[in-house]
Amino acid sequence: MNVIIQLLGGIGLFLLGMSLMTDSLKAIAGEALRQWLVRFTNSPI
């Protein structure tokens, strides 16, 4: 039982970290990344 709780806690922390990192990268990149993607993919986002 203890192992299952630890596993679920670890997965939860991992997913929380991924979510926070995604939000931070979006905030840092901002409009510059959007313009770069539009330029190199030839399609609007």
PDB file of N, CA and C in Angstrom:
ATOM      1  N   MET A   1       0.830  -1.201   0.000  1.00  0.00           N
ATOM      2  CA  MET A   1       0.000   0.000   0.000  1.00  0.00           C
ATOM      3  C   MET A   1       0.871   1.260   0.000  1.00  0.00           C
ATOM      4  N   ASN A   2       1.935   1.215   0.780  1.00  0.00           N
ATOM      5  CA  ASN A   2       2.829   2.368   0.891  1.00  0.00           C
ATOM      6  C   ASN A   2       3.510   2.673  -0.446  1.00  0.00           C
ATOM      7  N   VAL A   3       3.848   1.617  -1.178  1.00  0.00           N
ATOM      8  CA  VAL A   3       4.516   1.791  -2.467  1.00  0.00           C
ATOM      9  C   VAL A   3       3.578   2.478  -3.458  1.00  0.00           C
ATOM     10  N   ILE A   4       2.322   2.113  -3.437  1.00  0.00           N
ATOM     11  CA  ILE A   4       1.348   2.712  -4.353  1.00  0.00           C
ATOM     12  C   ILE A   4       1.187   4.201  -4.062  1.00  0.00           C
ATOM     13  N   ILE A   5       1.125   4.559  -2.794  1.00  0.00           N
ATOM     14  CA  ILE A   5       0.998   5.970  -2.414  1.00  0.00           C
ATOM     15  C   ILE A   5       2.227   6.758  -2.857  1.00  0.00           C
ATOM     16  N   GLN A   6       3.405   6.182  -2.665  1.00  0.00           N
ATOM     17  CA  GLN A   6       4.632   6.853  -3.090  1.00  0.00           C
ATOM     18  C   GLN A   6       4.677   7.005  -4.608  1.00  0.00           C
ATOM     19  N   LEU A   7       4.245   5.981  -5.321  1.00  0.00           N
ATOM     20  CA  LEU A   7       4.233   6.037  -6.781  1.00  0.00           C
ATOM     21  C   LEU A   7       3.281   7.121  -7.276  1.00  0.00           C
ATOM     22  N   LEU A   8       2.085   7.166  -6.714  1.00  0.00           N
ATOM     23  CA  LEU A   8       1.122   8.194  -7.111  1.00  0.00           C
ATOM     24  C   LEU A   8       1.620   9.596  -6.755  1.00  0.00           C
ATOM     25  N   GLY A   9       2.261   9.736  -5.610  1.00  0.00           N
ATOM     26  CA  GLY A   9       2.834  11.028  -5.224  1.00  0.00           C
ATOM     27  C   GLY A   9       3.934  11.458  -6.178  1.00  0.00           C
ATOM     28  N   GLY A  10       4.783  10.520  -6.572  1.00  0.00           N
ATOM     29  CA  GLY A  10       5.855  10.827  -7.514  1.00  0.00           C
ATOM     30  C   GLY A  10       5.326  11.237  -8.873  1.00  0.00           C
ATOM     31  N   ILE A  11       4.323  10.522  -9.345  1.00  0.00           N
ATOM     32  CA  ILE A  11       3.714  10.870 -10.635  1.00  0.00           C
ATOM     33  C   ILE A  11       3.052  12.240 -10.553  1.00  0.00           C
ATOM     34  N   GLY A  12       2.386  12.510  -9.438  1.00  0.00           N
ATOM     35  CA  GLY A  12       1.747  13.815  -9.260  1.00  0.00           C
ATOM     36  C   GLY A  12       2.751  14.951  -9.269  1.00  0.00           C
ATOM     37  N   LEU A  13       3.864  14.771  -8.563  1.00  0.00           N
ATOM     38  CA  LEU A  13       4.903  15.808  -8.545  1.00  0.00           C
ATOM     39  C   LEU A  13       5.522  16.002  -9.931  1.00  0.00           C
ATOM     40  N   PHE A  14       5.723  14.905 -10.644  1.00  0.00           N
ATOM     41  CA  PHE A  14       6.268  14.991 -11.994  1.00  0.00           C
ATOM     42  C   PHE A  14       5.339  15.795 -12.902  1.00  0.00           C
ATOM     43  N   LEU A  15       4.040  15.485 -12.860  1.00  0.00           N
ATOM     44  CA  LEU A  15       3.082  16.197 -13.705  1.00  0.00           C
ATOM     45  C   LEU A  15       2.973  17.666 -13.318  1.00  0.00           C
ATOM     46  N   LEU A  16       3.029  17.961 -12.029  1.00  0.00           N
ATOM     47  CA  LEU A  16       3.008  19.353 -11.583  1.00  0.00           C
ATOM     48  C   LEU A  16       4.234  20.099 -12.107  1.00  0.00           C
ATOM     49  N   GLY A  17       5.396  19.481 -12.017  1.00  0.00           N
ATOM     50  CA  GLY A  17       6.622  20.095 -12.520  1.00  0.00           C
ATOM     51  C   GLY A  17       6.566  20.347 -14.016  1.00  0.00           C
ATOM     52  N   MET A  18       6.028  19.394 -14.768  1.00  0.00           N
ATOM     53  CA  MET A  18       5.904  19.573 -16.216  1.00  0.00           C
ATOM     54  C   MET A  18       4.960  20.726 -16.543  1.00  0.00           C
ATOM     55  N   SER A  19       3.882  20.834 -15.803  1.00  0.00           N
ATOM     56  CA  SER A  19       2.926  21.914 -16.030  1.00  0.00           C
ATOM     57  C   SER A  19       3.551  23.273 -15.736  1.00  0.00           C
ATOM     58  N   LEU A  20       4.257  23.372 -14.621  1.00  0.00           N
ATOM     59  CA  LEU A  20       4.909  24.635 -14.267  1.00  0.00           C
ATOM     60  C   LEU A  20       5.979  25.007 -15.289  1.00  0.00           C
ATOM     61  N   MET A  21       6.733  24.015 -15.756  1.00  0.00           N
ATOM     62  CA  MET A  21       7.783  24.281 -16.730  1.00  0.00           C
ATOM     63  C   MET A  21       7.177  24.740 -18.060  1.00  0.00           C
ATOM     64  N   THR A  22       6.073  24.134 -18.466  1.00  0.00           N
ATOM     65  CA  THR A  22       5.406  24.534 -19.703  1.00  0.00           C
ATOM     66  C   THR A  22       4.942  25.979 -19.632  1.00  0.00           C
ATOM     67  N   ASP A  23       4.302  26.340 -18.526  1.00  0.00           N
ATOM     68  CA  ASP A  23       3.824  27.718 -18.361  1.00  0.00           C
ATOM     69  C   ASP A  23       4.982  28.706 -18.368  1.00  0.00           C
ATOM     70  N   SER A  24       6.074  28.356 -17.705  1.00  0.00           N
ATOM     71  CA  SER A  24       7.235  29.247 -17.643  1.00  0.00           C
ATOM     72  C   SER A  24       7.872  29.423 -19.015  1.00  0.00           C
ATOM     73  N   LEU A  25       8.010  28.335 -19.755  1.00  0.00           N
ATOM     74  CA  LEU A  25       8.603  28.439 -21.089  1.00  0.00           C
ATOM     75  C   LEU A  25       7.732  29.265 -22.027  1.00  0.00           C
ATOM     76  N   LYS A  26       6.422  29.125 -21.908  1.00  0.00           N
ATOM     77  CA  LYS A  26       5.524  29.944 -22.726  1.00  0.00           C
ATOM     78  C   LYS A  26       5.677  31.419 -22.380  1.00  0.00           C
ATOM     79  N   ALA A  27       5.807  31.724 -21.103  1.00  0.00           N
ATOM     80  CA  ALA A  27       5.946  33.120 -20.680  1.00  0.00           C
ATOM     81  C   ALA A  27       7.282  33.701 -21.129  1.00  0.00           C
ATOM     82  N   ILE A  28       8.338  32.906 -21.072  1.00  0.00           N
ATOM     83  CA  ILE A  28       9.665  33.390 -21.458  1.00  0.00           C
ATOM     84  C   ILE A  28       9.741  33.591 -22.969  1.00  0.00           C
ATOM     85  N   ALA A  29       9.268  32.613 -23.727  1.00  0.00           N
ATOM     86  CA  ALA A  29       9.379  32.674 -25.185  1.00  0.00           C
ATOM     87  C   ALA A  29       8.458  33.741 -25.756  1.00  0.00           C
ATOM     88  N   GLY A  30       7.217  33.729 -25.344  1.00  0.00           N
ATOM     89  CA  GLY A  30       6.253  34.740 -25.743  1.00  0.00           C
ATOM     90  C   GLY A  30       6.117  34.931 -27.236  1.00  0.00           C
ATOM     91  N   GLU A  31       6.056  36.173 -27.624  1.00  0.00           N
ATOM     92  CA  GLU A  31       5.780  36.542 -29.011  1.00  0.00           C
ATOM     93  C   GLU A  31       6.931  36.181 -29.943  1.00  0.00           C
ATOM     94  N   ALA A  32       8.156  36.188 -29.463  1.00  0.00           N
ATOM     95  CA  ALA A  32       9.298  35.868 -30.324  1.00  0.00           C
ATOM     96  C   ALA A  32       9.186  34.441 -30.861  1.00  0.00           C
ATOM     97  N   LEU A  33       8.835  33.502 -30.008  1.00  0.00           N
ATOM     98  CA  LEU A  33       8.684  32.118 -30.456  1.00  0.00           C
ATOM     99  C   LEU A  33       7.519  31.991 -31.428  1.00  0.00           C
ATOM    100  N   ARG A  34       6.444  32.682 -31.162  1.00  0.00           N
ATOM    101  CA  ARG A  34       5.277  32.636 -32.046  1.00  0.00           C
ATOM    102  C   ARG A  34       5.649  33.137 -33.444  1.00  0.00           C
ATOM    103  N   GLN A  35       6.361  34.247 -33.519  1.00  0.00           N
ATOM    104  CA  GLN A  35       6.760  34.790 -34.820  1.00  0.00           C
ATOM    105  C   GLN A  35       7.731  33.854 -35.542  1.00  0.00           C
ATOM    106  N   TRP A  36       8.627  33.233 -34.806  1.00  0.00           N
ATOM    107  CA  TRP A  36       9.579  32.289 -35.392  1.00  0.00           C
ATOM    108  C   TRP A  36       8.838  31.099 -35.990  1.00  0.00           C
ATOM    109  N   LEU A  37       7.853  30.577 -35.253  1.00  0.00           N
ATOM    110  CA  LEU A  37       7.083  29.442 -35.756  1.00  0.00           C
ATOM    111  C   LEU A  37       6.287  29.812 -36.998  1.00  0.00           C
ATOM    112  N   VAL A  38       5.694  30.990 -37.011  1.00  0.00           N
ATOM    113  CA  VAL A  38       4.940  31.432 -38.184  1.00  0.00           C
ATOM    114  C   VAL A  38       5.868  31.554 -39.386  1.00  0.00           C
ATOM    115  N   ARG A  39       7.044  32.114 -39.182  1.00  0.00           N
ATOM    116  CA  ARG A  39       7.983  32.324 -40.284  1.00  0.00           C
ATOM    117  C   ARG A  39       8.468  30.997 -40.868  1.00  0.00           C
ATOM    118  N   PHE A  40       8.808  30.031 -40.014  1.00  0.00           N
ATOM    119  CA  PHE A  40       9.402  28.796 -40.505  1.00  0.00           C
ATOM    120  C   PHE A  40       8.389  27.722 -40.877  1.00  0.00           C
ATOM    121  N   THR A  41       7.156  27.840 -40.446  1.00  0.00           N
ATOM    122  CA  THR A  41       6.151  26.850 -40.830  1.00  0.00           C
ATOM    123  C   THR A  41       5.231  27.364 -41.926  1.00  0.00           C
ATOM    124  N   ASN A  42       5.326  28.643 -42.249  1.00  0.00           N
ATOM    125  CA  ASN A  42       4.498  29.262 -43.290  1.00  0.00           C
ATOM    126  C   ASN A  42       3.005  29.096 -43.035  1.00  0.00           C
ATOM    127  N   SER A  43       2.632  29.084 -41.778  1.00  0.00           N
ATOM    128  CA  SER A  43       1.209  29.032 -41.442  1.00  0.00           C
ATOM    129  C   SER A  43       0.994  29.757 -40.119  1.00  0.00           C
ATOM    130  N   PRO A  44      -0.118  30.453 -39.997  1.00  0.00           N
ATOM    131  CA  PRO A  44      -0.391  31.153 -38.734  1.00  0.00           C
ATOM    132  C   PRO A  44      -0.725  30.171 -37.620  1.00  0.00           C
ATOM    133  N   ILE A  45      -0.464  30.601 -36.421  1.00  0.00           N
ATOM    134  CA  ILE A  45      -0.756  29.746 -35.261  1.00  0.00           C
ATOM    135  C   ILE A  45      -2.167  30.026 -34.805  1.00  0.00           C
TER     136      ILE A  45
END
